Amino acid sequence: MNLAKNKENAIAFYKMAYEGNPKKAVELYVGETYIQHNPDVADGIQGFIDYFERMKRDYPNKSINFVRSVAEGHLVSLHTHQIWPDNDQYITMDFFRFDDSGKICEHWDAIQQVPKSATNNNTMY
C-alpha cells in the first residue's frame, strides 16, 4: 500500500471533480465500485458524477483549499476549506477508502459551515 500515492490520488480526485470534471476523476481514480455515505449524493459512480456536474453548473465560482491529508492503511482523510458564492464558507473532512489496486472505492464526509463568529480565535482549519 503506497500511502503517499493514495494521498496524492485522493487530492487529485477530489480537486478534479470539484472543479467540474467528475467523469475524468472517476476514470482515473475510482475502482469497480464506489460506495457513497453522504446522504445528499446518490450511491455509486453515476451518483457522484451527477452531483459534481450539478455543483459545477449551479456554483461555477466555488474554490477549495486542501489544508491537510492523512493516510493509514486503506484510508485517506482530507481536511478542506471551501469558499462558495457570497463568501459562504465550509470545512469538510472527507474519508476515502482505497481498494487493493489503489483505486478509490468508498467515501464518507462531514461538512460544517464556518460561522460568522466564534468564542475563540482559532480557525476551523
N, C-alpha and C. Protein backbone atom coordinates (compact mmCIF):
# COMPACT_ATOMS: atom_id res chain seq x y z
N MET A 1 0.85 -1.18 0.00
CA MET A 1 0.00 0.00 0.00
C MET A 1 0.90 1.24 0.00
N ASN A 2 0.75 2.08 -0.99
CA ASN A 2 1.55 3.29 -1.12
C ASN A 2 0.76 4.48 -0.55
N LEU A 3 1.00 4.79 0.72
CA LEU A 3 0.22 5.82 1.41
C LEU A 3 0.40 7.20 0.79
N ALA A 4 1.62 7.55 0.40
CA ALA A 4 1.87 8.86 -0.21
C ALA A 4 1.11 8.98 -1.54
N LYS A 5 1.14 7.92 -2.34
CA LYS A 5 0.44 7.94 -3.63
C LYS A 5 -1.08 8.01 -3.41
N ASN A 6 -1.59 7.30 -2.42
CA ASN A 6 -3.02 7.35 -2.14
C ASN A 6 -3.44 8.77 -1.73
N LYS A 7 -2.62 9.44 -0.93
CA LYS A 7 -2.92 10.83 -0.56
C LYS A 7 -2.94 11.73 -1.79
N GLU A 8 -1.94 11.61 -2.65
CA GLU A 8 -1.90 12.39 -3.89
C GLU A 8 -3.13 12.13 -4.74
N ASN A 9 -3.51 10.86 -4.86
CA ASN A 9 -4.64 10.50 -5.70
C ASN A 9 -5.97 10.97 -5.12
N ALA A 10 -6.11 10.92 -3.81
CA ALA A 10 -7.34 11.41 -3.19
C ALA A 10 -7.51 12.91 -3.44
N ILE A 11 -6.43 13.66 -3.29
CA ILE A 11 -6.48 15.11 -3.54
C ILE A 11 -6.77 15.39 -5.01
N ALA A 12 -6.09 14.70 -5.90
CA ALA A 12 -6.30 14.92 -7.34
C ALA A 12 -7.74 14.57 -7.73
N PHE A 13 -8.25 13.48 -7.20
CA PHE A 13 -9.62 13.04 -7.47
C PHE A 13 -10.63 14.09 -7.02
N TYR A 14 -10.52 14.52 -5.78
CA TYR A 14 -11.47 15.48 -5.22
C TYR A 14 -11.37 16.82 -5.96
N LYS A 15 -10.16 17.29 -6.20
CA LYS A 15 -9.95 18.56 -6.89
C LYS A 15 -10.53 18.53 -8.29
N MET A 16 -10.27 17.46 -9.03
CA MET A 16 -10.75 17.34 -10.40
C MET A 16 -12.28 17.32 -10.44
N ALA A 17 -12.90 16.58 -9.55
CA ALA A 17 -14.36 16.52 -9.51
C ALA A 17 -14.94 17.86 -9.08
N TYR A 18 -14.38 18.46 -8.05
CA TYR A 18 -14.85 19.73 -7.50
C TYR A 18 -14.77 20.84 -8.54
N GLU A 19 -13.72 20.82 -9.35
CA GLU A 19 -13.54 21.86 -10.36
C GLU A 19 -14.31 21.59 -11.64
N GLY A 20 -15.09 20.50 -11.67
CA GLY A 20 -16.02 20.32 -12.77
C GLY A 20 -15.77 19.20 -13.75
N ASN A 21 -14.87 18.27 -13.43
CA ASN A 21 -14.63 17.16 -14.33
C ASN A 21 -14.73 15.82 -13.59
N PRO A 22 -15.92 15.52 -13.03
CA PRO A 22 -16.05 14.28 -12.26
C PRO A 22 -15.91 13.01 -13.10
N LYS A 23 -16.30 13.05 -14.38
CA LYS A 23 -16.15 11.85 -15.22
C LYS A 23 -14.69 11.46 -15.35
N LYS A 24 -13.84 12.43 -15.61
CA LYS A 24 -12.40 12.16 -15.73
C LYS A 24 -11.83 11.69 -14.39
N ALA A 25 -12.29 12.31 -13.30
CA ALA A 25 -11.83 11.91 -11.97
C ALA A 25 -12.16 10.44 -11.71
N VAL A 26 -13.36 10.03 -12.07
CA VAL A 26 -13.77 8.64 -11.89
C VAL A 26 -12.92 7.71 -12.76
N GLU A 27 -12.72 8.10 -14.03
CA GLU A 27 -11.91 7.28 -14.94
C GLU A 27 -10.51 7.03 -14.39
N LEU A 28 -9.92 8.07 -13.81
CA LEU A 28 -8.54 7.97 -13.35
C LEU A 28 -8.37 7.34 -11.97
N TYR A 29 -9.34 7.55 -11.07
CA TYR A 29 -9.08 7.25 -9.66
C TYR A 29 -10.04 6.29 -8.98
N VAL A 30 -11.15 5.93 -9.61
CA VAL A 30 -12.16 5.09 -8.95
C VAL A 30 -12.10 3.67 -9.49
N GLY A 31 -12.31 2.72 -8.58
CA GLY A 31 -12.32 1.31 -8.96
C GLY A 31 -13.66 0.87 -9.51
N GLU A 32 -13.92 -0.42 -9.45
CA GLU A 32 -15.15 -1.00 -9.98
C GLU A 32 -16.39 -0.53 -9.22
N THR A 33 -16.23 -0.26 -7.95
CA THR A 33 -17.35 0.09 -7.08
C THR A 33 -17.06 1.41 -6.39
N TYR A 34 -18.11 2.20 -6.18
CA TYR A 34 -17.97 3.45 -5.41
C TYR A 34 -19.14 3.54 -4.45
N ILE A 35 -18.86 3.35 -3.18
CA ILE A 35 -19.90 3.38 -2.13
C ILE A 35 -19.91 4.78 -1.53
N GLN A 36 -21.07 5.41 -1.54
CA GLN A 36 -21.22 6.78 -1.07
C GLN A 36 -22.00 6.81 0.24
N HIS A 37 -21.46 7.50 1.24
CA HIS A 37 -22.14 7.62 2.53
C HIS A 37 -22.73 8.99 2.77
N ASN A 38 -22.46 9.97 1.92
CA ASN A 38 -23.07 11.30 2.06
C ASN A 38 -24.54 11.17 1.68
N PRO A 39 -25.47 11.51 2.57
CA PRO A 39 -26.89 11.32 2.28
C PRO A 39 -27.43 12.24 1.18
N ASP A 40 -26.68 13.26 0.78
CA ASP A 40 -27.11 14.17 -0.27
C ASP A 40 -26.62 13.77 -1.66
N VAL A 41 -25.88 12.67 -1.74
CA VAL A 41 -25.32 12.20 -3.01
C VAL A 41 -25.76 10.76 -3.22
N ALA A 42 -26.28 10.47 -4.40
CA ALA A 42 -26.72 9.10 -4.70
C ALA A 42 -25.53 8.14 -4.67
N ASP A 43 -25.78 6.92 -4.28
CA ASP A 43 -24.75 5.89 -4.22
C ASP A 43 -24.23 5.57 -5.62
N GLY A 44 -22.99 5.17 -5.69
CA GLY A 44 -22.43 4.70 -6.95
C GLY A 44 -21.73 5.78 -7.76
N ILE A 45 -21.10 5.34 -8.81
CA ILE A 45 -20.31 6.22 -9.68
C ILE A 45 -21.16 7.28 -10.34
N GLN A 46 -22.32 6.90 -10.90
CA GLN A 46 -23.15 7.88 -11.60
C GLN A 46 -23.70 8.93 -10.64
N GLY A 47 -24.03 8.53 -9.44
CA GLY A 47 -24.49 9.50 -8.43
C GLY A 47 -23.43 10.54 -8.13
N PHE A 48 -22.19 10.11 -8.04
CA PHE A 48 -21.06 11.02 -7.82
C PHE A 48 -20.92 11.99 -8.98
N ILE A 49 -20.94 11.46 -10.19
CA ILE A 49 -20.80 12.30 -11.39
C ILE A 49 -21.93 13.31 -11.46
N ASP A 50 -23.16 12.86 -11.27
CA ASP A 50 -24.32 13.76 -11.35
C ASP A 50 -24.22 14.89 -10.34
N TYR A 51 -23.82 14.56 -9.12
CA TYR A 51 -23.72 15.57 -8.06
C TYR A 51 -22.70 16.66 -8.44
N PHE A 52 -21.52 16.24 -8.83
CA PHE A 52 -20.47 17.23 -9.11
C PHE A 52 -20.70 17.99 -10.41
N GLU A 53 -21.37 17.39 -11.38
CA GLU A 53 -21.75 18.14 -12.58
C GLU A 53 -22.77 19.22 -12.23
N ARG A 54 -23.72 18.88 -11.36
CA ARG A 54 -24.72 19.86 -10.90
C ARG A 54 -24.06 20.99 -10.10
N MET A 55 -23.10 20.66 -9.24
CA MET A 55 -22.42 21.69 -8.45
C MET A 55 -21.63 22.63 -9.35
N LYS A 56 -21.00 22.09 -10.38
CA LYS A 56 -20.23 22.93 -11.31
C LYS A 56 -21.17 23.87 -12.08
N ARG A 57 -22.30 23.34 -12.51
CA ARG A 57 -23.27 24.14 -13.26
C ARG A 57 -23.89 25.23 -12.37
N ASP A 58 -24.29 24.86 -11.16
CA ASP A 58 -25.01 25.78 -10.27
C ASP A 58 -24.09 26.74 -9.51
N TYR A 59 -22.84 26.32 -9.27
CA TYR A 59 -21.89 27.12 -8.47
C TYR A 59 -20.51 27.13 -9.13
N PRO A 60 -20.37 27.76 -10.29
CA PRO A 60 -19.10 27.68 -11.02
C PRO A 60 -17.94 28.40 -10.34
N ASN A 61 -18.21 29.32 -9.43
CA ASN A 61 -17.13 30.13 -8.85
C ASN A 61 -16.72 29.70 -7.44
N LYS A 62 -16.94 28.45 -7.10
CA LYS A 62 -16.51 27.97 -5.78
C LYS A 62 -15.03 27.60 -5.83
N SER A 63 -14.41 27.54 -4.65
CA SER A 63 -12.99 27.16 -4.60
C SER A 63 -12.76 26.21 -3.43
N ILE A 64 -11.65 25.49 -3.51
CA ILE A 64 -11.31 24.53 -2.46
C ILE A 64 -9.82 24.63 -2.16
N ASN A 65 -9.50 24.55 -0.87
CA ASN A 65 -8.11 24.50 -0.43
C ASN A 65 -7.94 23.24 0.42
N PHE A 66 -6.95 22.44 0.09
CA PHE A 66 -6.67 21.22 0.85
C PHE A 66 -5.72 21.59 1.98
N VAL A 67 -6.23 21.56 3.20
CA VAL A 67 -5.49 22.00 4.37
C VAL A 67 -4.53 20.92 4.85
N ARG A 68 -5.00 19.68 4.88
CA ARG A 68 -4.13 18.57 5.31
C ARG A 68 -4.70 17.26 4.80
N SER A 69 -3.82 16.27 4.77
CA SER A 69 -4.23 14.91 4.41
C SER A 69 -3.50 13.93 5.31
N VAL A 70 -4.18 12.85 5.62
CA VAL A 70 -3.62 11.81 6.49
C VAL A 70 -3.96 10.47 5.86
N ALA A 71 -3.00 9.57 5.82
CA ALA A 71 -3.24 8.24 5.26
C ALA A 71 -2.84 7.17 6.27
N GLU A 72 -3.67 6.15 6.33
CA GLU A 72 -3.40 5.00 7.19
C GLU A 72 -4.10 3.79 6.59
N GLY A 73 -3.36 2.73 6.38
CA GLY A 73 -3.97 1.54 5.80
C GLY A 73 -4.59 1.84 4.45
N HIS A 74 -5.86 1.51 4.30
CA HIS A 74 -6.59 1.74 3.06
C HIS A 74 -7.34 3.07 3.06
N LEU A 75 -7.15 3.91 4.09
CA LEU A 75 -7.91 5.15 4.21
C LEU A 75 -7.05 6.39 4.01
N VAL A 76 -7.66 7.39 3.38
CA VAL A 76 -7.07 8.73 3.28
C VAL A 76 -8.11 9.71 3.77
N SER A 77 -7.70 10.61 4.64
CA SER A 77 -8.57 11.67 5.14
C SER A 77 -8.09 13.00 4.60
N LEU A 78 -9.03 13.82 4.11
CA LEU A 78 -8.72 15.16 3.63
C LEU A 78 -9.50 16.18 4.44
N HIS A 79 -8.83 17.23 4.84
CA HIS A 79 -9.42 18.35 5.58
C HIS A 79 -9.39 19.53 4.62
N THR A 80 -10.55 20.08 4.27
CA THR A 80 -10.60 21.14 3.27
C THR A 80 -11.30 22.39 3.78
N HIS A 81 -10.98 23.49 3.14
CA HIS A 81 -11.67 24.77 3.35
C HIS A 81 -12.25 25.15 1.99
N GLN A 82 -13.58 25.28 1.94
CA GLN A 82 -14.25 25.60 0.69
C GLN A 82 -14.91 26.96 0.79
N ILE A 83 -14.82 27.73 -0.30
CA ILE A 83 -15.49 29.03 -0.36
C ILE A 83 -16.45 28.99 -1.55
N TRP A 84 -17.71 29.23 -1.25
CA TRP A 84 -18.78 29.22 -2.24
C TRP A 84 -19.23 30.65 -2.50
N PRO A 85 -20.12 30.88 -3.46
CA PRO A 85 -20.57 32.25 -3.75
C PRO A 85 -21.05 32.98 -2.50
N ASP A 86 -20.90 34.29 -2.52
CA ASP A 86 -21.28 35.17 -1.39
C ASP A 86 -20.46 34.88 -0.14
N ASN A 87 -19.23 34.39 -0.32
CA ASN A 87 -18.32 34.08 0.78
C ASN A 87 -18.92 33.07 1.77
N ASP A 88 -19.70 32.16 1.28
CA ASP A 88 -20.29 31.09 2.07
C ASP A 88 -19.21 30.02 2.23
N GLN A 89 -18.67 29.86 3.46
CA GLN A 89 -17.51 29.00 3.67
C GLN A 89 -17.86 27.73 4.44
N TYR A 90 -17.19 26.66 4.06
CA TYR A 90 -17.41 25.35 4.68
C TYR A 90 -16.07 24.67 4.96
N ILE A 91 -16.07 23.87 5.99
CA ILE A 91 -14.95 22.98 6.30
C ILE A 91 -15.46 21.56 6.09
N THR A 92 -14.69 20.75 5.37
CA THR A 92 -15.07 19.35 5.21
C THR A 92 -13.95 18.45 5.71
N MET A 93 -14.36 17.30 6.14
CA MET A 93 -13.44 16.22 6.48
C MET A 93 -13.95 15.01 5.73
N ASP A 94 -13.19 14.61 4.72
CA ASP A 94 -13.57 13.51 3.86
C ASP A 94 -12.66 12.32 4.10
N PHE A 95 -13.26 11.13 4.06
CA PHE A 95 -12.51 9.89 4.17
C PHE A 95 -12.75 9.09 2.90
N PHE A 96 -11.66 8.63 2.29
CA PHE A 96 -11.73 7.80 1.10
C PHE A 96 -11.08 6.46 1.42
N ARG A 97 -11.77 5.39 1.06
CA ARG A 97 -11.18 4.05 1.20
C ARG A 97 -10.69 3.61 -0.17
N PHE A 98 -9.47 3.09 -0.20
CA PHE A 98 -8.86 2.59 -1.42
C PHE A 98 -8.92 1.07 -1.43
N ASP A 99 -9.12 0.50 -2.61
CA ASP A 99 -9.08 -0.96 -2.73
C ASP A 99 -7.63 -1.41 -2.87
N ASP A 100 -7.42 -2.71 -3.01
CA ASP A 100 -6.06 -3.25 -3.08
C ASP A 100 -5.31 -2.83 -4.34
N SER A 101 -6.03 -2.32 -5.34
CA SER A 101 -5.41 -1.86 -6.58
C SER A 101 -5.06 -0.38 -6.53
N GLY A 102 -5.30 0.28 -5.39
CA GLY A 102 -5.01 1.70 -5.26
C GLY A 102 -6.07 2.60 -5.85
N LYS A 103 -7.29 2.09 -5.99
CA LYS A 103 -8.40 2.87 -6.53
C LYS A 103 -9.39 3.20 -5.41
N ILE A 104 -10.01 4.36 -5.51
CA ILE A 104 -10.99 4.79 -4.51
C ILE A 104 -12.27 3.98 -4.69
N CYS A 105 -12.79 3.48 -3.57
CA CYS A 105 -13.99 2.64 -3.65
C CYS A 105 -15.07 3.02 -2.62
N GLU A 106 -14.78 3.96 -1.72
CA GLU A 106 -15.78 4.33 -0.71
C GLU A 106 -15.47 5.72 -0.17
N HIS A 107 -16.53 6.44 0.22
CA HIS A 107 -16.39 7.83 0.69
C HIS A 107 -17.35 8.14 1.83
N TRP A 108 -16.82 8.82 2.84
CA TRP A 108 -17.60 9.39 3.95
C TRP A 108 -17.19 10.85 4.09
N ASP A 109 -18.08 11.69 4.60
CA ASP A 109 -17.67 13.06 4.87
C ASP A 109 -18.49 13.69 5.98
N ALA A 110 -17.93 14.77 6.51
CA ALA A 110 -18.62 15.62 7.48
C ALA A 110 -18.39 17.04 7.01
N ILE A 111 -19.45 17.82 6.96
CA ILE A 111 -19.39 19.19 6.44
C ILE A 111 -19.96 20.13 7.50
N GLN A 112 -19.24 21.23 7.72
CA GLN A 112 -19.71 22.22 8.68
C GLN A 112 -19.49 23.62 8.10
N GLN A 113 -20.52 24.43 8.18
CA GLN A 113 -20.40 25.81 7.72
C GLN A 113 -19.56 26.60 8.71
N VAL A 114 -18.69 27.45 8.19
CA VAL A 114 -17.89 28.31 9.04
C VAL A 114 -18.81 29.40 9.59
N PRO A 115 -18.91 29.51 10.91
CA PRO A 115 -19.81 30.52 11.50
C PRO A 115 -19.26 31.94 11.33
N LYS A 116 -20.15 32.90 11.38
CA LYS A 116 -19.76 34.31 11.26
C LYS A 116 -18.95 34.77 12.48
N SER A 117 -19.19 34.15 13.62
CA SER A 117 -18.42 34.50 14.82
C SER A 117 -18.13 33.22 15.61
N ALA A 118 -17.11 33.30 16.48
CA ALA A 118 -16.73 32.13 17.29
C ALA A 118 -16.32 32.62 18.67
N THR A 119 -16.37 31.72 19.64
CA THR A 119 -16.00 32.07 21.01
C THR A 119 -14.49 31.96 21.23
N ASN A 120 -13.74 31.54 20.18
CA ASN A 120 -12.29 31.52 20.27
C ASN A 120 -11.71 32.08 18.98
N ASN A 121 -10.42 32.31 18.94
CA ASN A 121 -9.76 32.90 17.78
C ASN A 121 -9.13 31.87 16.84
N ASN A 122 -9.41 30.58 17.08
CA ASN A 122 -8.83 29.53 16.26
C ASN A 122 -9.67 29.33 15.00
N THR A 123 -9.00 29.04 13.89
CA THR A 123 -9.75 28.72 12.68
C THR A 123 -10.24 27.28 12.77
N MET A 124 -11.13 26.92 11.87
CA MET A 124 -11.63 25.54 11.82
C MET A 124 -10.72 24.67 10.96
N TYR A 125 -9.64 25.25 10.50
CA TYR A 125 -8.70 24.51 9.65
C TYR A 125 -7.28 24.86 9.99
